PDB file of N, CA and C in Angstrom:
ATOM      1  N   MET A   1       0.897  -0.852  -0.090  1.00  0.00           N
ATOM      2  CA  MET A   1       0.188  -0.575   0.300  1.00  0.00           C
ATOM      3  C   MET A   1       0.987   1.568  -0.010  1.00  0.00           C
ATOM      4  N   ASP A   2       1.864   1.596   0.388  1.00  0.00           N
ATOM      5  CA  ASP A   2       2.146   2.162   0.855  1.00  0.00           C
ATOM      6  C   ASP A   2       3.894   2.462  -0.873  1.00  0.00           C
ATOM      7  N   ASN A   3       3.631   2.110  -1.954  1.00  0.00           N
ATOM      8  CA  ASN A   3       4.180   2.402  -3.069  1.00  0.00           C
ATOM      9  C   ASN A   3       3.079   3.396  -3.760  1.00  0.00           C
ATOM     10  N   CYS A   4       1.518   3.252  -2.840  1.00  0.00           N
ATOM     11  CA  CYS A   4       0.515   3.830  -4.040  1.00  0.00           C
ATOM     12  C   CYS A   4       1.238   5.504  -3.846  1.00  0.00           C
ATOM     13  N   VAL A   5       1.712   5.438  -2.516  1.00  0.00           N
ATOM     14  CA  VAL A   5       1.136   6.760  -2.030  1.00  0.00           C
ATOM     15  C   VAL A   5       2.578   7.671  -2.263  1.00  0.00           C
ATOM     16  N   LEU A   6       2.253   8.627  -2.889  1.00  0.00           N
ATOM     17  CA  LEU A   6       3.146   9.610  -3.492  1.00  0.00           C
ATOM     18  C   LEU A   6       3.646  10.348  -2.181  1.00  0.00           C
ATOM     19  N   ASP A   7       5.406  10.812  -2.254  1.00  0.00           N
ATOM     20  CA  ASP A   7       5.754  11.419  -1.715  1.00  0.00           C
ATOM     21  C   ASP A   7       5.793  12.909  -1.819  1.00  0.00           C
ATOM     22  N   LYS A   8       5.652  13.615  -1.026  1.00  0.00           N
ATOM     23  CA  LYS A   8       4.957  15.135  -1.257  1.00  0.00           C
ATOM     24  C   LYS A   8       6.284  15.823  -2.249  1.00  0.00           C
ATOM     25  N   SER A   9       7.810  15.520  -1.010  1.00  0.00           N
ATOM     26  CA  SER A   9       8.802  16.161  -1.960  1.00  0.00           C
ATOM     27  C   SER A   9       8.707  15.830  -3.178  1.00  0.00           C
ATOM     28  N   GLN A  10       8.661  14.594  -3.863  1.00  0.00           N
ATOM     29  CA  GLN A  10       8.526  14.565  -4.622  1.00  0.00           C
ATOM     30  C   GLN A  10       7.930  14.705  -6.425  1.00  0.00           C
ATOM     31  N   THR A  11       6.782  15.215  -6.001  1.00  0.00           N
ATOM     32  CA  THR A  11       5.677  15.892  -6.565  1.00  0.00           C
ATOM     33  C   THR A  11       5.470  17.498  -7.059  1.00  0.00           C
ATOM     34  N   THR A  12       6.687  17.887  -5.953  1.00  0.00           N
ATOM     35  CA  THR A  12       6.240  19.396  -5.948  1.00  0.00           C
ATOM     36  C   THR A  12       7.339  19.861  -5.773  1.00  0.00           C
ATOM     37  N   THR A  13       7.830  21.385  -6.109  1.00  0.00           N
ATOM     38  CA  THR A  13       8.724  22.329  -5.971  1.00  0.00           C
ATOM     39  C   THR A  13       8.342  22.966  -4.841  1.00  0.00           C
ATOM     40  N   ALA A  14       9.395  24.072  -4.133  1.00  0.00           N
ATOM     41  CA  ALA A  14       9.727  24.313  -3.685  1.00  0.00           C
ATOM     42  C   ALA A  14       8.129  25.687  -3.630  1.00  0.00           C
ATOM     43  N   LYS A  15       7.588  26.278  -4.566  1.00  0.00           N
ATOM     44  CA  LYS A  15       6.940  27.325  -5.280  1.00  0.00           C
ATOM     45  C   LYS A  15       5.304  26.126  -4.464  1.00  0.00           C
ATOM     46  N   GLY A  16       5.710  24.581  -5.102  1.00  0.00           N
ATOM     47  CA  GLY A  16       4.361  24.102  -4.822  1.00  0.00           C
ATOM     48  C   GLY A  16       3.789  23.349  -5.983  1.00  0.00           C
ATOM     49  N   ALA A  17       4.320  23.340  -7.455  1.00  0.00           N
ATOM     50  CA  ALA A  17       3.965  23.455  -8.693  1.00  0.00           C
ATOM     51  C   ALA A  17       4.423  22.289  -8.802  1.00  0.00           C
ATOM     52  N   MET A  18       3.406  21.872  -9.881  1.00  0.00           N
ATOM     53  CA  MET A  18       3.483  20.597  -9.917  1.00  0.00           C
ATOM     54  C   MET A  18       4.563  20.092 -11.197  1.00  0.00           C
ATOM     55  N   PHE A  19       6.276  18.991 -11.269  1.00  0.00           N
ATOM     56  CA  PHE A  19       6.243  19.226 -11.964  1.00  0.00           C
ATOM     57  C   PHE A  19       7.034  17.451 -12.067  1.00  0.00           C
ATOM     58  N   PHE A  20       7.706  17.150 -13.613  1.00  0.00           N
ATOM     59  CA  PHE A  20       7.269  16.135 -14.141  1.00  0.00           C
ATOM     60  C   PHE A  20       8.245  14.956 -13.798  1.00  0.00           C
ATOM     61  N   SER A  21       8.428  13.536 -13.489  1.00  0.00           N
ATOM     62  CA  SER A  21       8.601  12.746 -13.118  1.00  0.00           C
ATOM     63  C   SER A  21       9.833  13.078 -14.339  1.00  0.00           C
ATOM     64  N   PRO A  22      10.992  11.659 -13.408  1.00  0.00           N
ATOM     65  CA  PRO A  22      12.625  11.939 -14.402  1.00  0.00           C
ATOM     66  C   PRO A  22      12.380  11.284 -15.595  1.00  0.00           C
ATOM     67  N   THR A  23      11.691  10.263 -15.237  1.00  0.00           N
ATOM     68  CA  THR A  23      11.276   9.360 -16.182  1.00  0.00           C
ATOM     69  C   THR A  23      10.407  10.407 -17.115  1.00  0.00           C
ATOM     70  N   PHE A  24      10.036  11.104 -17.198  1.00  0.00           N
ATOM     71  CA  PHE A  24       9.035  12.209 -18.460  1.00  0.00           C
ATOM     72  C   PHE A  24      10.652  13.253 -18.812  1.00  0.00           C
ATOM     73  N   LEU A  25      10.633  14.049 -18.187  1.00  0.00           N
ATOM     74  CA  LEU A  25      11.843  14.842 -18.687  1.00  0.00           C
ATOM     75  C   LEU A  25      12.990  14.251 -19.381  1.00  0.00           C
ATOM     76  N   ARG A  26      13.516  12.676 -18.737  1.00  0.00           N
ATOM     77  CA  ARG A  26      14.009  12.131 -19.919  1.00  0.00           C
ATOM     78  C   ARG A  26      14.275  11.664 -20.687  1.00  0.00           C
ATOM     79  N   PHE A  27      12.196  11.747 -21.349  1.00  0.00           N
ATOM     80  CA  PHE A  27      11.787  11.236 -22.926  1.00  0.00           C
ATOM     81  C   PHE A  27      12.058  12.511 -23.311  1.00  0.00           C
ATOM     82  N   LEU A  28      11.713  13.827 -22.761  1.00  0.00           N
ATOM     83  CA  LEU A  28      11.299  15.435 -23.364  1.00  0.00           C
ATOM     84  C   LEU A  28      12.987  15.875 -23.572  1.00  0.00           C
ATOM     85  N   LYS A  29      13.784  15.161 -23.651  1.00  0.00           N
ATOM     86  CA  LYS A  29      15.294  15.228 -23.690  1.00  0.00           C
ATOM     87  C   LYS A  29      15.943  14.974 -25.280  1.00  0.00           C
ATOM     88  N   TYR A  30      14.830  13.301 -25.389  1.00  0.00           N
ATOM     89  CA  TYR A  30      15.186  12.955 -26.927  1.00  0.00           C
ATOM     90  C   TYR A  30      14.260  13.620 -27.705  1.00  0.00           C
ATOM     91  N   ALA A  31      13.033  14.274 -27.233  1.00  0.00           N
ATOM     92  CA  ALA A  31      11.667  14.915 -28.001  1.00  0.00           C
ATOM     93  C   ALA A  31      12.548  16.502 -28.547  1.00  0.00           C
ATOM     94  N   LYS A  32      13.282  16.548 -27.826  1.00  0.00           N
ATOM     95  CA  LYS A  32      13.214  18.432 -27.860  1.00  0.00           C
ATOM     96  C   LYS A  32      13.954  18.529 -28.900  1.00  0.00           C
ATOM     97  N   PRO A  33      15.195  17.538 -29.728  1.00  0.00           N
ATOM     98  CA  PRO A  33      15.635  18.339 -31.209  1.00  0.00           C
ATOM     99  C   PRO A  33      14.233  18.440 -32.665  1.00  0.00           C
ATOM    100  N   TYR A  34      13.764  17.777 -32.137  1.00  0.00           N
ATOM    101  CA  TYR A  34      11.859  17.585 -33.066  1.00  0.00           C
ATOM    102  C   TYR A  34      10.928  18.386 -32.528  1.00  0.00           C
ATOM    103  N   TRP A  35      11.038  19.963 -31.548  1.00  0.00           N
ATOM    104  CA  TRP A  35      10.134  20.152 -30.945  1.00  0.00           C
ATOM    105  C   TRP A  35       9.046  21.341 -32.308  1.00  0.00           C
ATOM    106  N   GLY A  36      10.039  21.769 -33.945  1.00  0.00           N
ATOM    107  CA  GLY A  36       9.888  21.812 -34.803  1.00  0.00           C
ATOM    108  C   GLY A  36       8.324  21.190 -35.442  1.00  0.00           C
ATOM    109  N   LEU A  37       8.690  19.908 -35.551  1.00  0.00           N
ATOM    110  CA  LEU A  37       7.862  19.322 -35.554  1.00  0.00           C
ATOM    111  C   LEU A  37       6.130  19.243 -34.674  1.00  0.00           C
ATOM    112  N   VAL A  38       6.428  19.020 -33.424  1.00  0.00           N
ATOM    113  CA  VAL A  38       5.497  18.702 -32.567  1.00  0.00           C
ATOM    114  C   VAL A  38       5.234  19.771 -32.577  1.00  0.00           C
ATOM    115  N   VAL A  39       5.336  21.140 -32.992  1.00  0.00           N
ATOM    116  CA  VAL A  39       4.707  22.491 -32.696  1.00  0.00           C
ATOM    117  C   VAL A  39       3.934  22.715 -33.785  1.00  0.00           C
ATOM    118  N   ALA A  40       4.335  21.316 -35.107  1.00  0.00           N
ATOM    119  CA  ALA A  40       4.310  22.144 -36.454  1.00  0.00           C
ATOM    120  C   ALA A  40       2.463  20.609 -36.564  1.00  0.00           C
ATOM    121  N   ALA A  41       2.776  20.063 -35.422  1.00  0.00           N
ATOM    122  CA  ALA A  41       1.565  19.135 -35.166  1.00  0.00           C
ATOM    123  C   ALA A  41       0.685  19.631 -34.870  1.00  0.00           C
ATOM    124  N   ILE A  42       0.914  20.274 -33.675  1.00  0.00           N
ATOM    125  CA  ILE A  42      -0.303  21.227 -32.472  1.00  0.00           C
ATOM    126  C   ILE A  42      -0.689  21.787 -33.549  1.00  0.00           C
ATOM    127  N   CYS A  43       0.065  22.685 -33.905  1.00  0.00           N
ATOM    128  CA  CYS A  43      -0.757  24.206 -34.819  1.00  0.00           C
ATOM    129  C   CYS A  43      -1.617  22.972 -36.373  1.00  0.00           C
ATOM    130  N   CYS A  44      -1.697  22.110 -36.975  1.00  0.00           N
ATOM    131  CA  CYS A  44      -2.091  21.674 -37.754  1.00  0.00           C
ATOM    132  C   CYS A  44      -3.638  20.751 -37.015  1.00  0.00           C
ATOM    133  N   GLY A  45      -3.415  20.332 -35.829  1.00  0.00           N
ATOM    134  CA  GLY A  45      -4.742  19.656 -35.141  1.00  0.00           C
ATOM    135  C   GLY A  45      -5.898  20.564 -34.260  1.00  0.00           C
ATOM    136  N   ILE A  46      -4.615  21.641 -34.297  1.00  0.00           N
ATOM    137  CA  ILE A  46      -5.680  22.729 -34.172  1.00  0.00           C
ATOM    138  C   ILE A  46      -6.859  23.828 -35.210  1.00  0.00           C
ATOM    139  N   LEU A  47      -5.908  23.600 -36.405  1.00  0.00           N
ATOM    140  CA  LEU A  47      -6.199  24.107 -37.662  1.00  0.00           C
ATOM    141  C   LEU A  47      -7.645  22.726 -37.937  1.00  0.00           C
ATOM    142  N   LYS A  48      -7.427  21.542 -37.809  1.00  0.00           N
ATOM    143  CA  LYS A  48      -8.240  20.453 -38.236  1.00  0.00           C
ATOM    144  C   LYS A  48      -9.651  20.428 -37.548  1.00  0.00           C
ATOM    145  N   PHE A  49      -9.486  20.777 -36.076  1.00  0.00           N
ATOM    146  CA  PHE A  49     -10.220  21.112 -35.336  1.00  0.00           C
ATOM    147  C   PHE A  49     -11.983  22.341 -35.725  1.00  0.00           C
ATOM    148  N   THR A  50     -10.476  23.556 -35.570  1.00  0.00           N
ATOM    149  CA  THR A  50     -11.221  24.505 -36.435  1.00  0.00           C
ATOM    150  C   THR A  50     -12.062  24.508 -36.886  1.00  0.00           C
ATOM    151  N   LEU A  51     -11.675  24.235 -38.176  1.00  0.00           N
ATOM    152  CA  LEU A  51     -12.390  23.897 -39.408  1.00  0.00           C
ATOM    153  C   LEU A  51     -13.682  22.901 -39.354  1.00  0.00           C
ATOM    154  N   ALA A  52     -13.879  22.100 -38.717  1.00  0.00           N
ATOM    155  CA  ALA A  52     -14.935  21.291 -38.206  1.00  0.00           C
ATOM    156  C   ALA A  52     -16.007  22.188 -37.671  1.00  0.00           C
ATOM    157  N   LEU A  53     -15.799  22.861 -37.980  1.00  0.00           N
ATOM    158  CA  LEU A  53     -16.428  24.435 -37.279  1.00  0.00           C
ATOM    159  C   LEU A  53     -17.135  25.250 -38.630  1.00  0.00           C
ATOM    160  N   ALA A  54     -16.568  24.766 -39.225  1.00  0.00           N
ATOM    161  CA  ALA A  54     -17.355  25.141 -40.608  1.00  0.00           C
ATOM    162  C   ALA A  54     -18.754  25.008 -41.385  1.00  0.00           C
ATOM    163  N   LEU A  55     -19.156  23.889 -41.482  1.00  0.00           N
ATOM    164  CA  LEU A  55     -20.423  23.365 -41.907  1.00  0.00           C
ATOM    165  C   LEU A  55     -21.436  24.447 -40.321  1.00  0.00           C
ATOM    166  N   PRO A  56     -21.240  23.722 -39.874  1.00  0.00           N
ATOM    167  CA  PRO A  56     -22.591  24.559 -38.977  1.00  0.00           C
ATOM    168  C   PRO A  56     -21.977  26.295 -39.250  1.00  0.00           C
ATOM    169  N   GLY A  57     -21.166  26.796 -39.164  1.00  0.00           N
ATOM    170  CA  GLY A  57     -21.095  28.013 -39.239  1.00  0.00           C
ATOM    171  C   GLY A  57     -21.672  28.901 -41.238  1.00  0.00           C
ATOM    172  N   SER A  58     -21.785  27.592 -41.732  1.00  0.00           N
ATOM    173  CA  SER A  58     -21.594  27.910 -43.273  1.00  0.00           C
ATOM    174  C   SER A  58     -23.288  27.504 -43.139  1.00  0.00           C
ATOM    175  N   LEU A  59     -23.884  26.681 -42.143  1.00  0.00           N
ATOM    176  CA  LEU A  59     -26.061  26.294 -41.861  1.00  0.00           C
ATOM    177  C   LEU A  59     -26.259  28.039 -41.517  1.00  0.00           C
ATOM    178  N   GLY A  60     -25.681  28.795 -40.835  1.00  0.00           N
ATOM    179  CA  GLY A  60     -25.971  29.882 -40.095  1.00  0.00           C
ATOM    180  C   GLY A  60     -25.788  31.091 -41.380  1.00  0.00           C
ATOM    181  N   LEU A  61     -25.032  30.932 -42.235  1.00  0.00           N
ATOM    182  CA  LEU A  61     -24.449  31.394 -43.491  1.00  0.00           C
ATOM    183  C   LEU A  61     -26.202  31.868 -44.573  1.00  0.00           C
ATOM    184  N   VAL A  62     -26.166  30.432 -44.639  1.00  0.00           N
ATOM    185  CA  VAL A  62     -27.142  29.355 -45.073  1.00  0.00           C
ATOM    186  C   VAL A  62     -28.539  30.996 -44.879  1.00  0.00           C
ATOM    187  N   MET A  63     -29.277  30.570 -43.540  1.00  0.00           N
ATOM    188  CA  MET A  63     -29.867  30.927 -43.442  1.00  0.00           C
ATOM    189  C   MET A  63     -29.922  32.626 -43.402  1.00  0.00           C
ATOM    190  N   ASP A  64     -29.271  33.014 -43.016  1.00  0.00           N
ATOM    191  CA  ASP A  64     -29.126  34.958 -42.575  1.00  0.00           C
ATOM    192  C   ASP A  64     -29.159  35.263 -44.028  1.00  0.00           C
ATOM    193  N   TYR A  65     -28.171  34.917 -45.445  1.00  0.00           N
ATOM    194  CA  TYR A  65     -28.074  35.778 -45.629  1.00  0.00           C
ATOM    195  C   TYR A  65     -28.541  35.111 -47.485  1.00  0.00           C
ATOM    196  N   VAL A  66     -28.985  33.920 -47.336  1.00  0.00           N
ATOM    197  CA  VAL A  66     -29.868  33.252 -48.328  1.00  0.00           C
ATOM    198  C   VAL A  66     -31.991  32.941 -48.392  1.00  0.00           C
ATOM    199  N   LEU A  67     -32.068  31.829 -47.458  1.00  0.00           N
ATOM    200  CA  LEU A  67     -33.337  31.692 -46.874  1.00  0.00           C
ATOM    201  C   LEU A  67     -34.359  32.894 -46.508  1.00  0.00           C
ATOM    202  N   LEU A  68     -33.536  33.284 -45.550  1.00  0.00           N
ATOM    203  CA  LEU A  68     -34.799  34.392 -45.003  1.00  0.00           C
ATOM    204  C   LEU A  68     -34.359  35.915 -45.144  1.00  0.00           C
ATOM    205  N   THR A  69     -34.145  35.980 -47.069  1.00  0.00           N
ATOM    206  CA  THR A  69     -34.145  37.436 -47.379  1.00  0.00           C
ATOM    207  C   THR A  69     -34.380  37.101 -48.667  1.00  0.00           C
ATOM    208  N   ASP A  70     -35.473  38.813 -49.177  1.00  0.00           N
ATOM    209  CA  ASP A  70     -35.560  38.515 -50.237  1.00  0.00           C
ATOM    210  C   ASP A  70     -35.031  38.607 -51.462  1.00  0.00           C
ATOM    211  N   LEU A  71     -34.476  38.203 -51.730  1.00  0.00           N
ATOM    212  CA  LEU A  71     -33.581  38.162 -52.986  1.00  0.00           C
ATOM    213  C   LEU A  71     -34.142  37.582 -53.998  1.00  0.00           C
ATOM    214  N   PRO A  72     -33.916  37.855 -55.138  1.00  0.00           N
ATOM    215  CA  PRO A  72     -34.041  37.177 -56.779  1.00  0.00           C
ATOM    216  C   PRO A  72     -33.592  35.782 -57.001  1.00  0.00           C
ATOM    217  N   GLN A  73     -34.066  34.788 -57.712  1.00  0.00           N
ATOM    218  CA  GLN A  73     -33.820  33.153 -57.238  1.00  0.00           C
ATOM    219  C   GLN A  73     -32.624  33.514 -57.824  1.00  0.00           C
ATOM    220  N   GLU A  74     -31.610  34.607 -58.892  1.00  0.00           N
ATOM    221  CA  GLU A  74     -29.898  34.313 -59.349  1.00  0.00           C
ATOM    222  C   GLU A  74     -29.377  34.882 -57.699  1.00  0.00           C
ATOM    223  N   GLN A  75     -29.279  35.311 -57.295  1.00  0.00           N
ATOM    224  CA  GLN A  75     -28.560  35.932 -56.502  1.00  0.00           C
ATOM    225  C   GLN A  75     -28.273  35.048 -55.159  1.00  0.00           C
ATOM    226  N   LYS A  76     -30.009  34.578 -55.101  1.00  0.00           N
ATOM    227  CA  LYS A  76     -30.066  33.322 -54.149  1.00  0.00           C
ATOM    228  C   LYS A  76     -29.270  32.266 -54.803  1.00  0.00           C
ATOM    229  N   MET A  77     -29.558  31.739 -55.432  1.00  0.00           N
ATOM    230  CA  MET A  77     -28.148  31.098 -56.108  1.00  0.00           C
ATOM    231  C   MET A  77     -26.628  31.226 -55.993  1.00  0.00           C
ATOM    232  N   PHE A  78     -26.988  32.499 -56.643  1.00  0.00           N
ATOM    233  CA  PHE A  78     -25.458  32.774 -56.505  1.00  0.00           C
ATOM    234  C   PHE A  78     -24.925  32.808 -55.611  1.00  0.00           C
ATOM    235  N   ARG A  79     -24.528  33.425 -53.894  1.00  0.00           N
ATOM    236  CA  ARG A  79     -24.946  33.655 -52.683  1.00  0.00           C
ATOM    237  C   ARG A  79     -24.878  31.354 -51.968  1.00  0.00           C
ATOM    238  N   MET A  80     -26.003  30.800 -52.823  1.00  0.00           N
ATOM    239  CA  MET A  80     -25.673  29.209 -52.518  1.00  0.00           C
ATOM    240  C   MET A  80     -24.349  28.359 -53.087  1.00  0.00           C
ATOM    241  N   LEU A  81     -24.029  28.995 -53.689  1.00  0.00           N
ATOM    242  CA  LEU A  81     -22.944  28.147 -54.923  1.00  0.00           C
ATOM    243  C   LEU A  81     -21.746  28.897 -54.427  1.00  0.00           C
ATOM    244  N   LEU A  82     -21.989  29.991 -54.032  1.00  0.00           N
ATOM    245  CA  LEU A  82     -20.282  30.975 -53.358  1.00  0.00           C
ATOM    246  C   LEU A  82     -20.435  30.038 -51.620  1.00  0.00           C
ATOM    247  N   ILE A  83     -21.226  30.074 -50.459  1.00  0.00           N
ATOM    248  CA  ILE A  83     -21.486  29.509 -49.562  1.00  0.00           C
ATOM    249  C   ILE A  83     -20.676  28.184 -49.968  1.00  0.00           C
ATOM    250  N   LEU A  84     -21.390  27.126 -50.286  1.00  0.00           N
ATOM    251  CA  LEU A  84     -20.930  25.836 -51.126  1.00  0.00           C
ATOM    252  C   LEU A  84     -19.077  25.391 -51.281  1.00  0.00           C
ATOM    253  N   GLY A  85     -19.082  26.317 -52.240  1.00  0.00           N
ATOM    254  CA  GLY A  85     -17.179  26.659 -52.786  1.00  0.00           C
ATOM    255  C   GLY A  85     -16.684  26.305 -51.201  1.00  0.00           C
ATOM    256  N   LEU A  86     -17.087  27.910 -50.761  1.00  0.00           N
ATOM    257  CA  LEU A  86     -16.277  28.561 -49.239  1.00  0.00           C
ATOM    258  C   LEU A  86     -15.815  26.281 -48.674  1.00  0.00           C
ATOM    259  N   LEU A  87     -16.874  26.176 -48.229  1.00  0.00           N
ATOM    260  CA  LEU A  87     -17.196  25.121 -47.713  1.00  0.00           C
ATOM    261  C   LEU A  87     -16.453  23.860 -47.906  1.00  0.00           C
ATOM    262  N   THR A  88     -16.302  23.313 -49.301  1.00  0.00           N
ATOM    263  CA  THR A  88     -15.817  23.084 -49.859  1.00  0.00           C
ATOM    264  C   THR A  88     -14.263  23.014 -49.742  1.00  0.00           C
ATOM    265  N   LEU A  89     -13.594  23.930 -50.132  1.00  0.00           N
ATOM    266  CA  LEU A  89     -12.597  24.660 -49.365  1.00  0.00           C
ATOM    267  C   LEU A  89     -12.317  24.748 -48.307  1.00  0.00           C
ATOM    268  N   ALA A  90     -12.780  24.644 -47.068  1.00  0.00           N
ATOM    269  CA  ALA A  90     -12.577  24.694 -45.798  1.00  0.00           C
ATOM    270  C   ALA A  90     -12.721  23.433 -45.568  1.00  0.00           C
ATOM    271  N   PHE A  91     -13.425  21.968 -46.462  1.00  0.00           N
ATOM    272  CA  PHE A  91     -12.996  20.865 -45.877  1.00  0.00           C
ATOM    273  C   PHE A  91     -12.061  20.134 -46.598  1.00  0.00           C
ATOM    274  N   MET A  92     -11.442  20.772 -47.919  1.00  0.00           N
ATOM    275  CA  MET A  92      -9.786  20.338 -48.367  1.00  0.00           C
ATOM    276  C   MET A  92      -9.035  20.846 -47.433  1.00  0.00           C
ATOM    277  N   GLY A  93      -9.260  21.841 -47.096  1.00  0.00           N
ATOM    278  CA  GLY A  93      -8.181  22.298 -46.293  1.00  0.00           C
ATOM    279  C   GLY A  93      -8.397  21.250 -44.809  1.00  0.00           C
ATOM    280  N   ARG A  94      -9.386  21.245 -44.130  1.00  0.00           N
ATOM    281  CA  ARG A  94      -9.224  20.478 -42.814  1.00  0.00           C
ATOM    282  C   ARG A  94      -8.375  18.572 -42.975  1.00  0.00           C
ATOM    283  N   MET A  95      -8.941  18.019 -44.860  1.00  0.00           N
ATOM    284  CA  MET A  95      -8.039  16.906 -44.519  1.00  0.00           C
ATOM    285  C   MET A  95      -6.429  17.232 -44.603  1.00  0.00           C
ATOM    286  N   THR A  96      -6.545  18.084 -45.644  1.00  0.00           N
ATOM    287  CA  THR A  96      -5.032  18.629 -45.813  1.00  0.00           C
ATOM    288  C   THR A  96      -4.303  18.290 -44.339  1.00  0.00           C
ATOM    289  N   ALA A  97      -4.748  19.570 -43.363  1.00  0.00           N
ATOM    290  CA  ALA A  97      -4.458  19.375 -42.122  1.00  0.00           C
ATOM    291  C   ALA A  97      -4.785  18.050 -41.167  1.00  0.00           C
ATOM    292  N   THR A  98      -5.067  17.754 -41.637  1.00  0.00           N
ATOM    293  CA  THR A  98      -5.033  15.747 -40.985  1.00  0.00           C
ATOM    294  C   THR A  98      -4.270  15.779 -41.038  1.00  0.00           C
ATOM    295  N   TYR A  99      -3.826  15.243 -42.772  1.00  0.00           N
ATOM    296  CA  TYR A  99      -2.859  14.970 -42.805  1.00  0.00           C
ATOM    297  C   TYR A  99      -1.576  15.211 -42.769  1.00  0.00           C
ATOM    298  N   LEU A 100      -1.316  16.443 -42.367  1.00  0.00           N
ATOM    299  CA  LEU A 100       0.373  17.163 -41.680  1.00  0.00           C
ATOM    300  C   LEU A 100      -0.124  16.786 -40.274  1.00  0.00           C
ATOM    301  N   ARG A 101      -0.863  16.935 -40.010  1.00  0.00           N
ATOM    302  CA  ARG A 101      -1.040  16.251 -38.384  1.00  0.00           C
ATOM    303  C   ARG A 101      -0.143  15.768 -37.820  1.00  0.00           C
ATOM    304  N   SER A 102      -0.824  13.950 -38.432  1.00  0.00           N
ATOM    305  CA  SER A 102      -0.291  12.610 -38.959  1.00  0.00           C
ATOM    306  C   SER A 102       1.421  12.524 -38.743  1.00  0.00           C
ATOM    307  N   TYR A 103       1.633  13.198 -40.284  1.00  0.00           N
ATOM    308  CA  TYR A 103       2.649  12.976 -40.978  1.00  0.00           C
ATOM    309  C   TYR A 103       4.272  13.469 -39.678  1.00  0.00           C
ATOM    310  N   PHE A 104       3.281  14.871 -39.231  1.00  0.00           N
ATOM    311  CA  PHE A 104       4.340  15.698 -38.564  1.00  0.00           C
ATOM    312  C   PHE A 104       4.679  14.589 -36.940  1.00  0.00           C
ATOM    313  N   ALA A 105       3.325  14.453 -36.443  1.00  0.00           N
ATOM    314  CA  ALA A 105       2.967  13.257 -35.344  1.00  0.00           C
ATOM    315  C   ALA A 105       4.390  12.194 -36.011  1.00  0.00           C
ATOM    316  N   VAL A 106       3.927  12.152 -36.165  1.00  0.00           N
ATOM    317  CA  VAL A 106       4.575  10.260 -36.757  1.00  0.00           C
ATOM    318  C   VAL A 106       6.405  10.448 -37.071  1.00  0.00           C
ATOM    319  N   VAL A 107       6.687  11.361 -37.335  1.00  0.00           N
ATOM    320  CA  VAL A 107       7.730  11.115 -38.311  1.00  0.00           C
ATOM    321  C   VAL A 107       8.550  12.321 -36.717  1.00  0.00           C
ATOM    322  N   ALA A 108       8.539  12.905 -35.749  1.00  0.00           N
ATOM    323  CA  ALA A 108       9.148  13.219 -34.453  1.00  0.00           C
ATOM    324  C   ALA A 108       8.760  11.699 -34.036  1.00  0.00           C
ATOM    325  N   GLY A 109       7.648  11.538 -33.462  1.00  0.00           N
ATOM    326  CA  GLY A 109       7.426   9.970 -32.887  1.00  0.00           C
ATOM    327  C   GLY A 109       8.320   8.970 -33.493  1.00  0.00           C
ATOM    328  N   ASN A 110       9.116   8.457 -34.377  1.00  0.00           N
ATOM    329  CA  ASN A 110       9.799   7.614 -34.566  1.00  0.00           C
ATOM    330  C   ASN A 110      11.108   8.578 -34.390  1.00  0.00           C
ATOM    331  N   HIS A 111      11.060   9.514 -34.974  1.00  0.00           N
ATOM    332  CA  HIS A 111      12.608  10.169 -34.516  1.00  0.00           C
ATOM    333  C   HIS A 111      12.734   9.808 -33.376  1.00  0.00           C
ATOM    334  N   THR A 112      12.143   9.855 -32.309  1.00  0.00           N
ATOM    335  CA  THR A 112      12.453  10.123 -30.927  1.00  0.00           C
ATOM    336  C   THR A 112      12.624   8.925 -30.315  1.00  0.00           C
ATOM    337  N   ILE A 113      11.772   7.976 -31.428  1.00  0.00           N
ATOM    338  CA  ILE A 113      11.845   6.669 -30.301  1.00  0.00           C
ATOM    339  C   ILE A 113      13.314   5.811 -31.475  1.00  0.00           C
ATOM    340  N   PHE A 114      13.659   5.806 -32.411  1.00  0.00           N
ATOM    341  CA  PHE A 114      15.266   6.232 -32.546  1.00  0.00           C
ATOM    342  C   PHE A 114      16.543   6.451 -31.696  1.00  0.00           C
ATOM    343  N   ASP A 115      16.021   7.828 -31.477  1.00  0.00           N
ATOM    344  CA  ASP A 115      17.209   7.710 -30.620  1.00  0.00           C
ATOM    345  C   ASP A 115      17.402   7.395 -29.077  1.00  0.00           C
ATOM    346  N   ILE A 116      15.952   7.351 -29.619  1.00  0.00           N
ATOM    347  CA  ILE A 116      16.180   6.159 -27.687  1.00  0.00           C
ATOM    348  C   ILE A 116      16.555   4.712 -27.549  1.00  0.00           C
ATOM    349  N   ARG A 117      16.147   4.458 -29.139  1.00  0.00           N
ATOM    350  CA  ARG A 117      16.949   3.056 -29.030  1.00  0.00           C
ATOM    351  C   ARG A 117      18.072   2.645 -29.219  1.00  0.00           C
ATOM    352  N   ARG A 118      19.110   3.797 -30.131  1.00  0.00           N
ATOM    353  CA  ARG A 118      19.745   4.063 -30.224  1.00  0.00           C
ATOM    354  C   ARG A 118      20.864   4.357 -28.769  1.00  0.00           C
ATOM    355  N   ASP A 119      20.480   5.111 -27.961  1.00  0.00           N
ATOM    356  CA  ASP A 119      21.085   5.076 -27.091  1.00  0.00           C
ATOM    357  C   ASP A 119      21.146   3.858 -25.735  1.00  0.00           C
ATOM    358  N   LEU A 120      20.520   3.254 -26.469  1.00  0.00           N
ATOM    359  CA  LEU A 120      19.666   2.221 -25.004  1.00  0.00           C
ATOM    360  C   LEU A 120      21.214   0.741 -25.599  1.00  0.00           C
TER     361      LEU A 120
END
């Protein structure tokens, strides 16, 4: 039962903030040379999940600027096609961001694992 209890001196610093275990810090030393790939993967992930909001946003645009307006049919059709084109671009951007996020994360992970195995 004593193995499950953490010593307070091992989990907090002098200021009381939590810090990482020595094993995790050792892992971060191996991942540090690839921080650019990790940051790129994080940015692509943020973009991916932000672009997922394009569909609800486009539905709001259709309701506000197409369906609830007194415009000629040709102008409504133009606006619908414009929104459809922008939505298509957003989903293509989301697919690209998804691919790049996966690629950057895998490359950083593989390099980190290779470095760890090399040093073992």
